[in-house]
Amino acid sequence: CSLETLMGISRDSLHKRRATGGRKKHWRKKKKYELGRQSANTKLSSNVAVRKVRVRGGNEKFRALRLDHGNFSWGSEALTRKTRILDVCYNASNNELVRTQTLVKNAIVQIDATPFKQWYQTHYGVELGRKSKDEEA
């Protein structure tokens, strides 16, 4: 029975190896300030669920369990808008995260582009649409 199972997830460096590759000895118990938590594994769903988690110092963090919207940026236009997330398309770390529609950092998602199109039309006076057959050739 290891310490990991007794006390839970830890964010310490005691479990890592030395620079030489040797194992480190346990020389003290785990500390409360090294406490870690399970990942939220936020799912893509219209049934939004965000929970408060009490953290160190009595502060609160928000843990998103299910989301259907987010804040997205258009880098070249320096524009950020809140919009719906339609689908999780690709995840470099794990295909199962795509299959289960899990929202994690660096996941490639498909979004509703309407807010960006509206801004583009008001700012430039040009309507963004699909490419026609003439433009592609």
Protein backbone atom coordinates (compact mmCIF):
# COMPACT_ATOMS: atom_id res chain seq x y z
CA CYS A 1 0.00 0.00 0.00
CA SER A 2 1.72 3.19 -1.19
CA LEU A 3 1.40 6.67 0.24
CA GLU A 4 -0.32 7.75 -2.99
CA THR A 5 -3.34 5.57 -2.27
CA LEU A 6 -3.51 6.54 1.40
CA MET A 7 -3.61 10.29 1.01
CA GLY A 8 -4.65 10.93 -2.57
CA ILE A 9 -3.24 12.97 -5.40
CA SER A 10 -0.06 14.89 -4.62
CA ARG A 11 1.73 17.67 -6.53
CA ASP A 12 5.12 17.13 -4.91
CA SER A 13 8.46 16.29 -6.49
CA LEU A 14 9.24 13.52 -4.00
CA HIS A 15 8.02 10.80 -6.35
CA LYS A 16 10.36 11.92 -9.15
CA ARG A 17 13.87 10.64 -9.76
CA ARG A 18 17.16 12.41 -9.10
CA ALA A 19 19.16 14.09 -11.87
CA THR A 20 21.41 11.02 -11.89
CA GLY A 21 18.41 8.74 -12.49
CA GLY A 22 18.39 7.30 -8.98
CA ARG A 23 15.27 6.93 -6.86
CA LYS A 24 14.58 9.45 -4.09
CA LYS A 25 13.97 8.20 -0.56
CA HIS A 26 10.83 9.22 1.29
CA TRP A 27 12.08 11.49 4.03
CA ARG A 28 8.79 13.05 5.12
CA LYS A 29 5.05 12.61 4.78
CA LYS A 30 2.91 14.39 2.20
CA LYS A 31 1.87 17.91 3.11
CA LYS A 32 -1.53 19.54 2.84
CA TYR A 33 -0.13 22.27 0.55
CA GLU A 34 0.91 19.60 -1.99
CA LEU A 35 -2.67 18.42 -2.39
CA GLY A 36 -3.89 17.79 -5.93
CA ARG A 37 -7.31 16.94 -7.34
CA GLN A 38 -8.75 14.76 -10.05
CA SER A 39 -9.16 16.39 -13.45
CA ALA A 40 -12.59 17.82 -14.26
CA ASN A 41 -12.85 16.05 -17.67
CA THR A 42 -15.27 18.73 -18.90
CA LYS A 43 -17.80 17.30 -21.35
CA LEU A 44 -19.48 19.06 -24.26
CA SER A 45 -23.17 19.28 -23.32
CA SER A 46 -26.03 21.79 -23.39
CA ASN A 47 -26.83 20.81 -19.79
CA VAL A 48 -24.26 23.20 -18.26
CA ALA A 49 -22.85 22.25 -14.84
CA VAL A 50 -20.24 24.35 -13.03
CA ARG A 51 -19.36 23.58 -9.40
CA LYS A 52 -17.54 25.62 -6.78
CA VAL A 53 -14.49 24.03 -5.16
CA ARG A 54 -13.05 25.35 -1.91
CA VAL A 55 -9.31 25.77 -2.24
CA ARG A 56 -6.42 26.85 -0.05
CA GLY A 57 -7.02 30.03 1.93
CA GLY A 58 -10.80 29.61 1.80
CA ASN A 59 -10.90 30.85 -1.78
CA GLU A 60 -13.09 29.31 -4.45
CA LYS A 61 -12.37 27.93 -7.89
CA PHE A 62 -14.94 26.96 -10.46
CA ARG A 63 -14.88 23.41 -11.80
CA ALA A 64 -16.72 23.04 -15.13
CA LEU A 65 -18.21 19.56 -15.53
CA ARG A 66 -20.32 20.25 -18.63
CA LEU A 67 -20.10 23.24 -21.00
CA ASP A 68 -21.50 24.25 -24.39
CA HIS A 69 -19.88 27.68 -24.89
CA GLY A 70 -16.52 29.40 -24.50
CA ASN A 71 -14.41 32.48 -25.19
CA PHE A 72 -12.60 32.23 -28.53
CA SER A 73 -10.19 34.56 -30.31
CA TRP A 74 -9.49 35.36 -33.94
CA GLY A 75 -5.75 36.00 -33.70
CA SER A 76 -5.14 37.96 -36.90
CA GLU A 77 -8.05 40.33 -36.21
CA ALA A 78 -7.33 40.69 -32.45
CA LEU A 79 -10.96 39.80 -31.75
CA THR A 80 -12.47 37.73 -28.92
CA ARG A 81 -16.10 36.64 -28.67
CA LYS A 82 -18.17 34.24 -26.56
CA THR A 83 -19.67 31.58 -28.81
CA ARG A 84 -21.12 28.05 -28.83
CA ILE A 85 -18.92 24.98 -29.14
CA LEU A 86 -20.38 22.63 -31.73
CA ASP A 87 -18.02 19.65 -31.74
CA VAL A 88 -14.68 18.30 -30.52
CA CYS A 89 -12.83 17.51 -33.76
CA TYR A 90 -9.32 16.43 -32.77
CA ASN A 91 -7.12 15.88 -29.75
CA ALA A 92 -3.42 15.16 -30.15
CA SER A 93 -3.11 13.49 -26.77
CA ASN A 94 -5.92 10.93 -26.93
CA ASN A 95 -8.55 9.78 -29.44
CA GLU A 96 -10.88 8.77 -26.62
CA LEU A 97 -11.20 12.43 -25.60
CA VAL A 98 -12.63 13.12 -29.07
CA ARG A 99 -15.02 10.17 -28.90
CA THR A 100 -16.29 11.19 -25.45
CA GLN A 101 -16.51 14.91 -26.44
CA THR A 102 -14.16 15.97 -23.62
CA LEU A 103 -13.00 19.60 -23.55
CA VAL A 104 -9.35 19.92 -22.51
CA LYS A 105 -6.51 22.33 -23.19
CA ASN A 106 -5.23 22.20 -26.79
CA ALA A 107 -8.28 20.31 -28.09
CA ILE A 108 -9.36 21.31 -31.61
CA VAL A 109 -13.04 22.27 -31.51
CA GLN A 110 -15.59 23.44 -34.07
CA ILE A 111 -17.39 26.63 -33.04
CA ASP A 112 -20.32 28.72 -34.21
CA ALA A 113 -18.71 31.52 -36.27
CA THR A 114 -21.77 33.83 -36.30
CA PRO A 115 -20.37 36.45 -33.82
CA PHE A 116 -17.13 36.67 -35.83
CA LYS A 117 -19.00 36.97 -39.15
CA GLN A 118 -21.22 39.74 -37.75
CA TRP A 119 -18.20 41.71 -36.53
CA TYR A 120 -16.40 41.23 -39.86
CA GLN A 121 -19.40 42.50 -41.80
CA THR A 122 -19.85 45.61 -39.64
CA HIS A 123 -16.11 46.35 -39.52
CA TYR A 124 -15.16 45.75 -43.17
CA GLY A 125 -18.56 45.91 -44.89
CA VAL A 126 -17.90 42.55 -46.56
CA GLU A 127 -20.04 39.47 -46.04
CA LEU A 128 -18.14 36.28 -45.22
CA GLY A 129 -19.66 33.23 -46.89
CA ARG A 130 -18.74 29.95 -48.48
CA LYS A 131 -16.32 29.88 -51.40
CA SER A 132 -18.06 29.72 -54.74
CA LYS A 133 -16.89 27.52 -57.63
CA ASP A 134 -15.42 30.58 -59.44
CA GLU A 135 -13.16 31.59 -56.51
CA GLU A 136 -11.71 28.08 -56.05
CA ALA A 137 -10.55 27.73 -59.67
